[in-house]
Protein backbone atom coordinates (compact mmCIF):
# COMPACT_ATOMS: atom_id res chain seq x y z
CA MET A 1 -40.00 52.77 -4.42
CA GLY A 2 -40.61 56.42 -5.42
CA ALA A 3 -41.44 57.63 -2.08
CA ASP A 4 -40.04 60.67 -0.38
CA VAL A 5 -38.51 60.08 3.02
CA VAL A 6 -38.07 62.59 5.88
CA ALA A 7 -37.05 62.27 9.42
CA ILE A 8 -37.97 64.68 12.11
CA GLY A 9 -35.86 64.80 15.32
CA THR A 10 -35.92 66.31 18.74
CA GLY A 11 -32.21 67.82 18.93
CA ASP A 12 -30.70 70.81 17.37
CA ARG A 13 -29.19 71.34 14.01
CA ARG A 14 -25.79 70.23 14.87
CA TYR A 15 -27.23 67.03 16.39
CA ALA A 16 -29.31 66.37 13.19
CA ASP A 17 -26.24 66.92 11.13
CA ALA A 18 -24.29 64.62 12.96
CA PHE A 19 -26.75 61.83 13.19
CA ALA A 20 -27.36 61.92 9.43
CA ARG A 21 -23.61 61.89 8.74
CA ASP A 22 -22.85 59.11 11.30
CA THR A 23 -25.66 56.94 10.26
CA GLU A 24 -25.17 57.74 6.53
CA ILE A 25 -28.88 58.66 6.13
CA PRO A 26 -29.56 59.42 2.39
CA PHE A 27 -32.78 61.66 3.10
CA LEU A 28 -33.72 64.89 4.60
CA VAL A 29 -33.46 65.30 8.38
CA LEU A 30 -35.52 68.21 9.94
CA VAL A 31 -35.49 69.50 13.49
CA ASP A 32 -38.81 69.80 15.67
CA ASP A 33 -37.04 71.75 18.65
CA GLY A 34 -40.42 73.45 19.52
CA ALA A 35 -42.36 70.08 19.52
CA GLU A 36 -44.67 71.59 16.78
CA ALA A 37 -44.86 68.36 14.54
CA ALA A 38 -45.11 65.98 17.61
CA GLU A 39 -48.01 68.15 19.18
CA ALA A 40 -49.66 68.18 15.54
CA ALA A 41 -49.45 64.33 15.43
CA SER A 42 -50.29 64.00 19.15
CA ILE A 43 -47.28 62.02 19.70
CA PRO A 44 -47.04 61.52 23.58
CA THR A 45 -44.08 61.93 25.93
CA LEU A 46 -42.96 59.31 28.43
CA SER A 47 -42.91 59.76 32.08
CA TRP A 48 -39.44 59.77 33.66
CA TYR A 49 -40.47 56.43 35.33
CA ARG A 50 -41.21 54.83 32.08
CA LEU A 51 -37.98 56.20 30.32
CA LEU A 52 -35.89 55.04 33.18
CA HIS A 53 -37.69 51.69 33.64
CA TRP A 54 -35.29 48.55 33.56
CA THR A 55 -36.89 47.20 30.33
CA THR A 56 -36.05 50.21 28.59
CA TRP A 57 -32.48 49.96 29.79
CA LYS A 58 -32.45 46.30 28.77
CA ALA A 59 -33.57 47.10 25.29
CA THR A 60 -31.06 50.18 25.00
CA ARG A 61 -28.19 47.86 26.01
CA ALA A 62 -29.37 45.37 23.29
CA THR A 63 -29.62 48.19 20.62
CA SER A 64 -26.07 49.27 21.59
CA LYS A 65 -24.67 45.78 21.19
CA ARG A 66 -25.95 45.59 17.58
CA GLY A 67 -24.07 48.95 16.87
CA TYR A 68 -26.60 51.65 17.30
CA HIS A 69 -26.07 54.46 19.90
CA VAL A 70 -27.75 57.54 20.99
CA HIS A 71 -25.35 60.10 19.99
CA LYS A 72 -26.41 62.94 22.29
CA ALA A 73 -29.97 63.21 23.84
CA GLY A 74 -32.00 66.21 22.69
CA LYS A 75 -33.60 68.62 25.09
CA ARG A 76 -37.03 66.59 24.75
CA VAL A 77 -35.53 63.29 25.64
CA LYS A 78 -39.03 62.06 26.94
CA GLN A 79 -40.68 62.64 23.58
CA MET A 80 -41.83 59.64 21.80
CA GLY A 81 -41.26 58.84 18.23
CA ALA A 82 -43.65 57.95 15.45
CA THR A 83 -43.67 56.55 11.71
CA PHE A 84 -46.21 57.68 9.13
CA VAL A 85 -46.73 56.81 5.65
CA ILE A 86 -48.60 59.39 3.95
CA GLY A 87 -50.05 58.81 0.62
CA ALA A 88 -51.75 61.07 -1.98
CA GLY A 89 -54.14 63.75 -0.83
CA ASP A 90 -52.20 63.68 2.49
CA ARG A 91 -53.98 60.44 3.38
CA ILE A 92 -52.31 58.42 6.38
CA ARG A 93 -51.73 55.00 5.04
CA TYR A 94 -49.76 53.82 8.11
CA GLU A 95 -49.05 54.97 11.53
CA HIS A 96 -46.87 53.60 14.20
CA VAL A 97 -46.30 55.50 17.69
CA ASP A 98 -43.39 54.11 19.59
CA HIS A 99 -44.39 52.72 23.20
CA ASP A 100 -40.98 53.38 24.52
CA SER A 101 -37.53 54.99 23.21
CA THR A 102 -36.50 51.58 21.82
CA ASP A 103 -39.74 50.68 20.10
CA HIS A 104 -40.02 51.57 16.29
CA ALA A 105 -42.08 50.67 13.46
CA PRO A 106 -41.46 47.18 12.02
CA LEU A 107 -39.70 47.88 8.65
CA GLY A 108 -41.75 45.10 6.84
CA GLU A 109 -45.13 47.01 7.84
CA VAL A 110 -43.47 50.33 6.51
CA VAL A 111 -42.42 48.85 3.11
CA ALA A 112 -45.85 47.18 2.91
CA ALA A 113 -47.62 50.54 3.52
CA LEU A 114 -45.34 52.17 0.81
CA ARG A 115 -46.31 49.53 -1.70
CA ASP A 116 -49.99 50.21 -0.78
CA ALA A 117 -49.69 54.11 -0.99
């Protein structure tokens, strides 16, 4: 679709390299070890209660059964994730802030936003 895709993670470089290799990600993976990107985008962190809540464990188990695993937790394990589609002029065309560690932007919404960008 002509878009540039970049992933920004919370682990160190070795973790990012292993993640990209193991998941065969064909795009750039950066590391936000100091949380500068997360803070700039106002992405919240989870409480320990929410991170360890039974619903999170249940979703993590279901994700693992589908073949996806957390390789190694970064030092900011409570940092929530987010997905952005940024169009011309740095205009945010789509934003999804994860509610917990197993929540991610629906791919159909991301693709639709890419088409509209």
